[in-house]
Amino acid sequence: MEKMDDRNLFISEALPGTQPGSTIRDIYACLMHGRVLTSLDAVNENRTVDLGKYISELRNKYGIDIKDQWITLGNRKRIKQYFIEKK
């Protein structure tokens, strides 16, 4: 069972009905800590190949203001990054 600390209480309030240790909570926590996520980050760190689905759910169901931007890599491939702007 996950230890309840201030961060977990905040996540519980922001994402009611989600379970501690769930992928959506992990993604939200990363974003709230200032991380910029790509699909590859989500595969390696958050155990999902469907980051877009969780971003969509955070935006639409929970009203989280997640920004995104396209970046071009050195090999001319484009990927999307997701982040929450600091206020």
Protein backbone atom coordinates (compact mmCIF):
# COMPACT_ATOMS: atom_id res chain seq x y z
CA MET A 1 0.00 0.00 0.00
CA GLU A 2 1.22 3.51 -0.88
CA LYS A 3 2.19 5.79 2.00
CA MET A 4 -0.06 8.85 2.21
CA ASP A 5 1.95 12.05 2.17
CA ASP A 6 1.11 15.60 1.10
CA ARG A 7 1.82 14.82 -2.57
CA ASN A 8 -0.49 11.79 -2.55
CA LEU A 9 -3.25 13.78 -0.86
CA PHE A 10 -2.93 16.46 -3.54
CA ILE A 11 -3.05 13.84 -6.30
CA SER A 12 -6.08 12.19 -4.68
CA GLU A 13 -7.89 15.53 -4.70
CA ALA A 14 -6.90 16.32 -8.30
CA LEU A 15 -7.68 12.82 -9.60
CA PRO A 16 -10.60 11.46 -7.57
CA GLY A 17 -11.40 7.82 -8.15
CA THR A 18 -7.89 6.85 -9.26
CA GLN A 19 -5.82 4.26 -7.45
CA PRO A 20 -2.44 4.87 -5.81
CA GLY A 21 0.30 3.59 -8.11
CA SER A 22 -1.87 3.81 -11.22
CA THR A 23 -0.34 4.91 -14.50
CA ILE A 24 -2.47 8.05 -14.70
CA ARG A 25 -1.29 9.13 -11.24
CA ASP A 26 2.33 8.44 -12.17
CA ILE A 27 2.04 10.56 -15.32
CA TYR A 28 0.32 13.38 -13.44
CA ALA A 29 2.97 13.33 -10.70
CA CYS A 30 5.78 13.55 -13.27
CA LEU A 31 4.12 16.51 -14.96
CA MET A 32 3.43 18.26 -11.65
CA HIS A 33 7.11 17.92 -10.72
CA GLY A 34 8.07 19.87 -13.83
CA ARG A 35 8.94 16.96 -16.09
CA VAL A 36 8.45 17.18 -19.84
CA LEU A 37 7.15 13.85 -21.15
CA THR A 38 7.27 12.21 -24.56
CA SER A 39 5.84 8.87 -25.63
CA LEU A 40 9.26 7.26 -25.18
CA ASP A 41 9.47 8.61 -21.62
CA ALA A 42 6.07 7.08 -20.90
CA VAL A 43 7.19 3.67 -22.18
CA ASN A 44 10.39 3.72 -20.11
CA GLU A 45 9.11 5.31 -16.91
CA ASN A 46 5.33 5.03 -16.75
CA ARG A 47 4.74 1.55 -18.19
CA THR A 48 2.46 2.68 -21.04
CA VAL A 49 2.63 2.94 -24.81
CA ASP A 50 -0.46 5.16 -24.87
CA LEU A 51 0.60 8.46 -23.30
CA GLY A 52 -1.86 10.38 -25.50
CA LYS A 53 -4.79 8.54 -23.93
CA TYR A 54 -3.75 9.52 -20.42
CA ILE A 55 -3.02 13.12 -21.44
CA SER A 56 -6.48 13.31 -23.01
CA GLU A 57 -8.09 11.90 -19.86
CA LEU A 58 -6.20 14.32 -17.62
CA ARG A 59 -7.29 17.23 -19.80
CA ASN A 60 -10.91 16.27 -20.47
CA LYS A 61 -12.02 14.36 -17.38
CA TYR A 62 -9.98 16.14 -14.70
CA GLY A 63 -9.53 19.59 -16.28
CA ILE A 64 -5.73 19.60 -16.00
CA ASP A 65 -4.13 22.27 -18.20
CA ILE A 66 -1.46 20.22 -19.99
CA LYS A 67 0.45 22.00 -22.74
CA ASP A 68 2.11 20.31 -25.69
CA GLN A 69 4.55 21.20 -28.42
CA TRP A 70 6.08 19.47 -31.40
CA ILE A 71 9.87 19.26 -31.51
CA THR A 72 12.12 18.08 -34.31
CA LEU A 73 14.89 15.63 -33.45
CA GLY A 74 18.30 15.55 -35.12
CA ASN A 75 17.12 12.85 -37.52
CA ARG A 76 14.25 15.11 -38.68
CA LYS A 77 11.66 13.05 -36.81
CA ARG A 78 9.02 15.05 -34.99
CA ILE A 79 7.70 14.12 -31.57
CA LYS A 80 5.29 15.77 -29.19
CA GLN A 81 6.25 16.84 -25.68
CA TYR A 82 3.74 17.31 -22.86
CA PHE A 83 4.20 19.56 -19.83
CA ILE A 84 2.41 21.68 -17.22
CA GLU A 85 3.51 25.30 -17.15
CA LYS A 86 4.68 26.62 -13.80
CA LYS A 87 2.62 29.50 -12.48
